[in-house]
Amino acid sequence: MINFLNLEYFLVAAEELNFTRAAKRLFISQQSLSNHISNMEKEFDVVLFNRTTPLTLTYAGQALKLKARQMLDLRAETYRELTDIKDFSIGQLTIGLSHTRGRIILPEILPVYKERFPNIDLKLVEGNSSRLAADLLHGDVDLIIDLLPFKVENVELVPICKEEILLAVPDMILEHAFPGQLNEIKTQLENYTDLSLLSNCPFLLINKGNRVRTIADEIFEESQITPNIVLETENIETVLALAVKGMGITFYPRMFISGHREIQQRLNAHSPLNLYSLNHPKVHGTLAIGYHKGHYMSQATKEFIQIAKEAL
């Protein structure tokens, strides 16, 4: 009979390929880890590691590593399924999304969800699109909310609403780039947002890996523009705040503006920032929920998706 604790310890050792690091990661002694590995080798009557420097897996060890994660995932899914069957009285739901999107979306969903299912333990994992895709792939989150397309395969998609990425252009930038022509240029951009017209202007962009940045880079490439990037940051609120102050042009989702009362007030009170729709198909996207096709879908996840579709 396979001992799951031995299996968990073996998998960590197989990932680290260093007993000292693996033992620290597991918060056990190196001798204890060695004993667990030896027990597995005796159970299967094979050698799992070549005790060389650096440590390497034998052919048997490589085969077990492939199966170990599947067995541990199956055990976890079985526990979750049995918990669901038990009257849906307890459970856990881990949601992955960006910090800013969470601030806009979650207040519309979570109060309703928590009222209906008070015993479900909610956890949030916040990050950019690349981080969220990796978390979903590795089973660290039950679902993610992001713009399509997702950067991960074998995912079931549930579209929930449309999204548009706008171009935020400060008056100060236009005045500097087109002295004495501010009104004419603004009228021209309102009629047709020609990005090549702004190719020499400074841009404020989100770090690579964020979906909005990916869209911006694709637009630049297709327009054959090498942007003058004066700042890159992880926080999309920072680029908008700096754009309002006239530091550069940026890209910003319409949903974040319509869902943020403070931003609306700042833009309406004094309008140093102009928001333009871009004449490009990539800026018109779909916000969706994604969950892994190969993993058990808990009742908690199903209910969250249903409430999100109703709310958004």
Protein backbone atom coordinates (compact mmCIF):
# COMPACT_ATOMS: atom_id res chain seq x y z
CA MET A 1 0.00 0.00 0.00
CA ILE A 2 1.35 3.42 -0.96
CA ASN A 3 2.00 5.76 1.96
CA PHE A 4 0.85 9.20 0.82
CA LEU A 5 3.19 10.97 3.25
CA ASN A 6 6.15 9.13 1.74
CA LEU A 7 4.83 10.07 -1.70
CA GLU A 8 4.57 13.77 -0.79
CA TYR A 9 8.10 13.78 0.61
CA PHE A 10 9.45 11.96 -2.44
CA LEU A 11 7.85 14.49 -4.80
CA VAL A 12 9.44 17.45 -3.00
CA ALA A 13 12.83 15.70 -3.07
CA ALA A 14 12.36 14.93 -6.77
CA GLU A 15 11.56 18.59 -7.47
CA GLU A 16 14.47 19.96 -5.46
CA LEU A 17 17.03 17.22 -6.31
CA ASN A 18 18.69 18.15 -3.05
CA PHE A 19 17.82 16.44 0.24
CA THR A 20 18.94 19.41 2.36
CA ARG A 21 16.71 21.90 0.52
CA ALA A 22 13.83 19.44 0.37
CA ALA A 23 14.04 18.78 4.11
CA LYS A 24 13.99 22.53 4.85
CA ARG A 25 10.98 22.97 2.57
CA LEU A 26 9.17 20.15 4.41
CA PHE A 27 10.25 21.37 7.88
CA ILE A 28 11.73 17.99 8.77
CA SER A 29 15.26 16.75 9.35
CA GLN A 30 17.37 15.49 6.46
CA GLN A 31 17.63 12.12 8.22
CA SER A 32 13.84 11.87 8.48
CA LEU A 33 13.49 12.64 4.76
CA SER A 34 16.11 10.01 3.90
CA ASN A 35 14.17 7.46 5.95
CA HIS A 36 10.95 8.20 4.06
CA ILE A 37 12.75 7.84 0.70
CA SER A 38 14.39 4.59 1.83
CA ASN A 39 11.00 3.23 2.90
CA MET A 40 9.60 3.91 -0.58
CA GLU A 41 12.60 2.26 -2.23
CA LYS A 42 12.12 -0.82 -0.03
CA GLU A 43 8.38 -0.88 -0.76
CA PHE A 44 8.89 -0.85 -4.54
CA ASP A 45 12.24 -2.68 -4.43
CA VAL A 46 13.85 -0.06 -6.69
CA VAL A 47 16.38 2.76 -6.34
CA LEU A 48 14.68 6.14 -6.87
CA PHE A 49 17.70 8.48 -6.67
CA ASN A 50 21.26 8.29 -7.87
CA ARG A 51 23.16 9.48 -4.79
CA THR A 52 25.51 11.61 -6.87
CA THR A 53 26.40 15.28 -6.77
CA PRO A 54 24.16 16.75 -7.98
CA LEU A 55 21.38 14.31 -7.04
CA THR A 56 19.55 12.77 -10.02
CA LEU A 57 16.51 10.57 -10.50
CA THR A 58 16.83 7.02 -11.72
CA TYR A 59 14.52 5.78 -14.47
CA ALA A 60 12.25 4.38 -11.75
CA GLY A 61 12.36 7.72 -9.93
CA GLN A 62 11.37 9.58 -13.08
CA ALA A 63 8.43 7.24 -13.61
CA LEU A 64 7.26 7.66 -10.01
CA LYS A 65 7.57 11.44 -10.20
CA LEU A 66 5.14 11.50 -13.13
CA LYS A 67 2.60 9.39 -11.26
CA ALA A 68 3.11 10.94 -7.80
CA ARG A 69 1.52 14.29 -8.69
CA GLN A 70 -1.43 12.54 -10.37
CA MET A 71 -2.03 10.35 -7.30
CA LEU A 72 -1.79 13.26 -4.88
CA ASP A 73 -4.12 15.38 -7.04
CA LEU A 74 -6.60 12.50 -7.22
CA ARG A 75 -6.55 12.13 -3.45
CA ALA A 76 -7.16 15.88 -2.97
CA GLU A 77 -10.02 15.86 -5.50
CA THR A 78 -11.59 12.84 -3.81
CA TYR A 79 -11.57 14.62 -0.45
CA ARG A 80 -13.11 17.73 -2.02
CA GLU A 81 -15.82 15.72 -3.74
CA LEU A 82 -16.75 13.86 -0.56
CA THR A 83 -16.86 17.14 1.34
CA ASP A 84 -19.24 18.53 -1.27
CA ILE A 85 -21.49 15.50 -0.93
CA LYS A 86 -21.72 16.12 2.80
CA ASP A 87 -24.62 18.56 2.41
CA PHE A 88 -22.37 21.27 0.97
CA SER A 89 -21.93 22.36 4.58
CA ILE A 90 -18.23 23.16 4.43
CA GLY A 91 -15.71 23.82 1.72
CA GLN A 92 -13.13 26.15 0.26
CA LEU A 93 -12.93 28.27 -2.87
CA THR A 94 -9.70 29.90 -4.07
CA ILE A 95 -10.13 32.65 -6.67
CA GLY A 96 -7.34 34.10 -8.80
CA LEU A 97 -7.58 37.57 -10.37
CA SER A 98 -5.75 40.88 -10.60
CA HIS A 99 -5.81 43.26 -7.64
CA THR A 100 -7.57 46.06 -9.54
CA ARG A 101 -10.10 43.81 -11.24
CA GLY A 102 -10.88 42.22 -7.89
CA ARG A 103 -11.71 45.60 -6.38
CA ILE A 104 -14.24 46.25 -9.16
CA ILE A 105 -15.77 42.78 -9.54
CA LEU A 106 -15.71 41.09 -6.15
CA PRO A 107 -17.97 43.58 -4.31
CA GLU A 108 -20.67 42.64 -6.84
CA ILE A 109 -20.25 38.90 -6.25
CA LEU A 110 -18.83 38.00 -2.84
CA PRO A 111 -21.49 39.54 -0.54
CA VAL A 112 -24.19 37.56 -2.38
CA TYR A 113 -22.07 34.42 -2.40
CA LYS A 114 -21.20 34.65 1.29
CA GLU A 115 -24.82 35.22 2.25
CA ARG A 116 -25.92 32.08 0.39
CA PHE A 117 -22.95 29.93 1.43
CA PRO A 118 -21.62 31.23 4.76
CA ASN A 119 -19.58 28.09 5.50
CA ILE A 120 -17.41 28.27 2.39
CA ASP A 121 -13.89 29.51 3.17
CA LEU A 122 -12.95 32.08 0.51
CA LYS A 123 -9.35 32.74 -0.46
CA LEU A 124 -7.98 35.24 -3.00
CA VAL A 125 -4.78 34.95 -5.02
CA GLU A 126 -3.85 38.18 -6.80
CA GLY A 127 -1.41 38.49 -9.68
CA ASN A 128 -0.94 39.25 -13.36
CA SER A 129 -2.23 37.09 -16.19
CA SER A 130 0.88 34.90 -16.40
CA ARG A 131 0.87 34.24 -12.65
CA LEU A 132 -2.85 33.40 -12.68
CA ALA A 133 -2.46 30.98 -15.59
CA ALA A 134 0.38 29.20 -13.78
CA ASP A 135 -1.63 28.99 -10.55
CA LEU A 136 -4.58 27.45 -12.40
CA LEU A 137 -2.35 24.97 -14.20
CA HIS A 138 -0.72 23.84 -10.94
CA GLY A 139 -4.01 23.62 -9.03
CA ASP A 140 -3.21 26.49 -6.65
CA VAL A 141 -6.54 28.18 -7.46
CA ASP A 142 -9.96 26.74 -8.29
CA LEU A 143 -10.74 29.38 -10.91
CA ILE A 144 -9.38 32.57 -12.40
CA ILE A 145 -11.07 35.70 -13.73
CA ASP A 146 -9.20 37.39 -16.58
CA LEU A 147 -9.42 38.64 -20.15
CA LEU A 148 -9.45 36.05 -22.91
CA PRO A 149 -7.43 34.35 -24.22
CA PHE A 150 -5.92 32.57 -21.22
CA LYS A 151 -2.29 31.51 -21.38
CA VAL A 152 -2.98 27.97 -20.22
CA GLU A 153 -4.35 24.89 -21.96
CA ASN A 154 -7.07 22.43 -20.93
CA VAL A 155 -9.26 25.12 -19.38
CA GLU A 156 -13.05 25.38 -19.49
CA LEU A 157 -14.15 28.97 -20.18
CA VAL A 158 -17.26 30.78 -18.99
CA PRO A 159 -17.61 34.27 -20.57
CA ILE A 160 -19.17 36.76 -18.16
CA CYS A 161 -19.00 40.23 -19.77
CA LYS A 162 -17.40 42.38 -22.46
CA GLU A 163 -14.38 44.57 -21.85
CA GLU A 164 -12.66 47.36 -23.78
CA ILE A 165 -9.16 48.76 -23.39
CA LEU A 166 -9.07 52.54 -23.82
CA LEU A 167 -6.20 54.86 -24.66
CA ALA A 168 -5.69 57.51 -21.94
CA VAL A 169 -4.02 60.62 -23.38
CA PRO A 170 -3.21 63.69 -21.20
CA ASP A 171 -3.70 67.21 -22.56
CA MET A 172 -0.21 68.06 -21.34
CA ILE A 173 1.37 65.46 -23.64
CA LEU A 174 -0.60 66.69 -26.67
CA GLU A 175 0.27 70.31 -25.94
CA HIS A 176 3.96 69.43 -25.80
CA ALA A 177 3.90 67.24 -28.94
CA PHE A 178 1.63 69.55 -30.98
CA PRO A 179 2.14 73.15 -29.80
CA GLY A 180 -0.86 75.33 -30.55
CA GLN A 181 -2.84 72.44 -32.05
CA LEU A 182 -4.43 70.89 -28.95
CA ASN A 183 -8.08 71.20 -30.01
CA GLU A 184 -7.40 70.07 -33.57
CA ILE A 185 -5.46 67.00 -32.44
CA LYS A 186 -8.11 66.07 -29.87
CA THR A 187 -10.81 66.31 -32.52
CA GLN A 188 -8.71 64.18 -34.85
CA LEU A 189 -8.19 61.51 -32.16
CA GLU A 190 -11.90 61.49 -31.29
CA ASN A 191 -12.77 60.80 -34.91
CA TYR A 192 -10.03 58.21 -35.42
CA THR A 193 -7.45 57.18 -32.83
CA ASP A 194 -4.34 56.92 -34.97
CA LEU A 195 -1.63 55.55 -32.68
CA SER A 196 1.09 56.45 -35.19
CA LEU A 197 0.22 60.10 -34.55
CA LEU A 198 1.42 59.59 -30.96
CA SER A 199 4.43 57.40 -31.72
CA ASN A 200 6.95 59.96 -30.39
CA CYS A 201 5.04 60.61 -27.18
CA PRO A 202 6.00 59.08 -23.80
CA PHE A 203 4.09 55.97 -22.67
CA LEU A 204 3.39 54.54 -19.22
CA LEU A 205 2.92 50.76 -19.37
CA ILE A 206 2.13 47.82 -17.13
CA ASN A 207 4.86 45.20 -16.76
CA LYS A 208 5.02 42.38 -19.27
CA GLY A 209 2.84 39.41 -18.32
CA ASN A 210 -0.22 41.57 -17.70
CA ARG A 211 -2.97 41.09 -20.30
CA VAL A 212 -3.37 44.85 -20.91
CA ARG A 213 0.38 45.10 -21.62
CA THR A 214 0.20 42.15 -24.01
CA ILE A 215 -2.56 43.88 -25.97
CA ALA A 216 -0.58 47.16 -26.02
CA ASP A 217 2.55 45.39 -27.29
CA GLU A 218 0.58 43.64 -30.05
CA ILE A 219 -0.90 46.96 -31.17
CA PHE A 220 2.53 48.62 -31.20
CA GLU A 221 3.99 45.75 -33.21
CA GLU A 222 1.20 45.72 -35.78
CA SER A 223 1.42 49.52 -36.09
CA GLN A 224 5.22 49.23 -36.47
CA ILE A 225 5.75 51.57 -33.53
CA THR A 226 8.60 51.39 -31.03
CA PRO A 227 7.08 53.21 -28.04
CA ASN A 228 9.02 55.65 -25.89
CA ILE A 229 8.37 53.90 -22.54
CA VAL A 230 9.19 56.23 -19.64
CA LEU A 231 7.85 53.96 -16.88
CA GLU A 232 6.80 50.35 -16.37
CA THR A 233 5.04 49.16 -13.21
CA GLU A 234 2.96 46.29 -11.87
CA ASN A 235 0.17 48.59 -10.70
CA ILE A 236 -2.28 49.80 -13.34
CA GLU A 237 -3.64 52.43 -10.93
CA THR A 238 -0.19 54.00 -10.80
CA VAL A 239 0.01 54.49 -14.57
CA LEU A 240 -3.43 56.10 -14.64
CA ALA A 241 -2.59 58.46 -11.76
CA LEU A 242 0.62 59.49 -13.54
CA ALA A 243 -1.23 59.90 -16.83
CA VAL A 244 -3.68 62.27 -15.09
CA LYS A 245 -0.63 64.30 -14.04
CA GLY A 246 0.55 64.47 -17.64
CA MET A 247 3.56 62.15 -17.44
CA GLY A 248 2.59 59.93 -20.36
CA ILE A 249 -0.01 58.02 -22.36
CA THR A 250 -1.32 54.68 -21.12
CA PHE A 251 -3.87 51.93 -21.75
CA TYR A 252 -6.70 51.43 -19.27
CA PRO A 253 -9.76 49.10 -19.14
CA ARG A 254 -13.13 50.80 -19.42
CA MET A 255 -14.49 48.55 -16.65
CA PHE A 256 -12.00 50.00 -14.16
CA ILE A 257 -13.23 53.52 -14.85
CA SER A 258 -16.94 52.74 -14.78
CA GLY A 259 -16.48 50.77 -11.58
CA HIS A 260 -14.30 53.32 -9.78
CA ARG A 261 -16.22 56.33 -8.44
CA GLU A 262 -13.07 58.21 -7.37
CA ILE A 263 -11.54 58.00 -10.86
CA GLN A 264 -14.81 59.14 -12.43
CA GLN A 265 -14.94 62.16 -10.12
CA ARG A 266 -11.32 63.08 -10.83
CA LEU A 267 -11.82 62.86 -14.57
CA ASN A 268 -15.12 64.74 -14.51
CA ALA A 269 -13.99 67.50 -12.16
CA HIS A 270 -11.07 68.62 -14.35
CA SER A 271 -10.41 66.76 -17.52
CA PRO A 272 -6.66 66.80 -18.19
CA LEU A 273 -7.02 63.25 -19.47
CA ASN A 274 -8.80 62.16 -22.64
CA LEU A 275 -10.09 58.60 -23.06
CA TYR A 276 -10.26 57.30 -26.62
CA SER A 277 -11.55 54.07 -28.11
CA LEU A 278 -8.90 52.37 -30.23
CA ASN A 279 -9.64 51.25 -33.76
CA HIS A 280 -8.26 47.79 -33.18
CA PRO A 281 -10.04 44.43 -32.65
CA LYS A 282 -7.70 43.32 -29.84
CA VAL A 283 -8.91 46.04 -27.47
CA HIS A 284 -12.43 44.61 -27.52
CA GLY A 285 -12.25 41.54 -25.36
CA THR A 286 -14.21 39.25 -23.11
CA LEU A 287 -13.81 38.83 -19.40
CA ALA A 288 -14.18 35.18 -18.47
CA ILE A 289 -13.91 32.67 -15.67
CA GLY A 290 -11.62 29.73 -16.30
CA TYR A 291 -11.31 26.43 -14.45
CA HIS A 292 -9.24 23.34 -15.18
CA LYS A 293 -11.06 20.70 -17.24
CA GLY A 294 -9.11 17.87 -15.69
CA HIS A 295 -9.82 18.76 -12.06
CA TYR A 296 -12.91 18.03 -10.03
CA MET A 297 -15.24 21.04 -10.12
CA SER A 298 -16.59 21.62 -6.63
CA GLN A 299 -20.09 22.78 -5.86
CA ALA A 300 -18.54 25.93 -4.39
CA THR A 301 -16.97 26.70 -7.78
CA LYS A 302 -20.21 26.03 -9.67
CA GLU A 303 -22.19 28.35 -7.41
CA PHE A 304 -19.59 31.12 -7.69
CA ILE A 305 -19.70 31.00 -11.49
CA GLN A 306 -23.49 31.17 -11.50
CA ILE A 307 -23.56 34.18 -9.17
CA ALA A 308 -20.84 35.93 -11.20
CA LYS A 309 -22.83 35.51 -14.41
CA GLU A 310 -25.93 36.93 -12.71
CA ALA A 311 -24.07 39.89 -11.17
CA LEU A 312 -21.94 40.92 -14.17
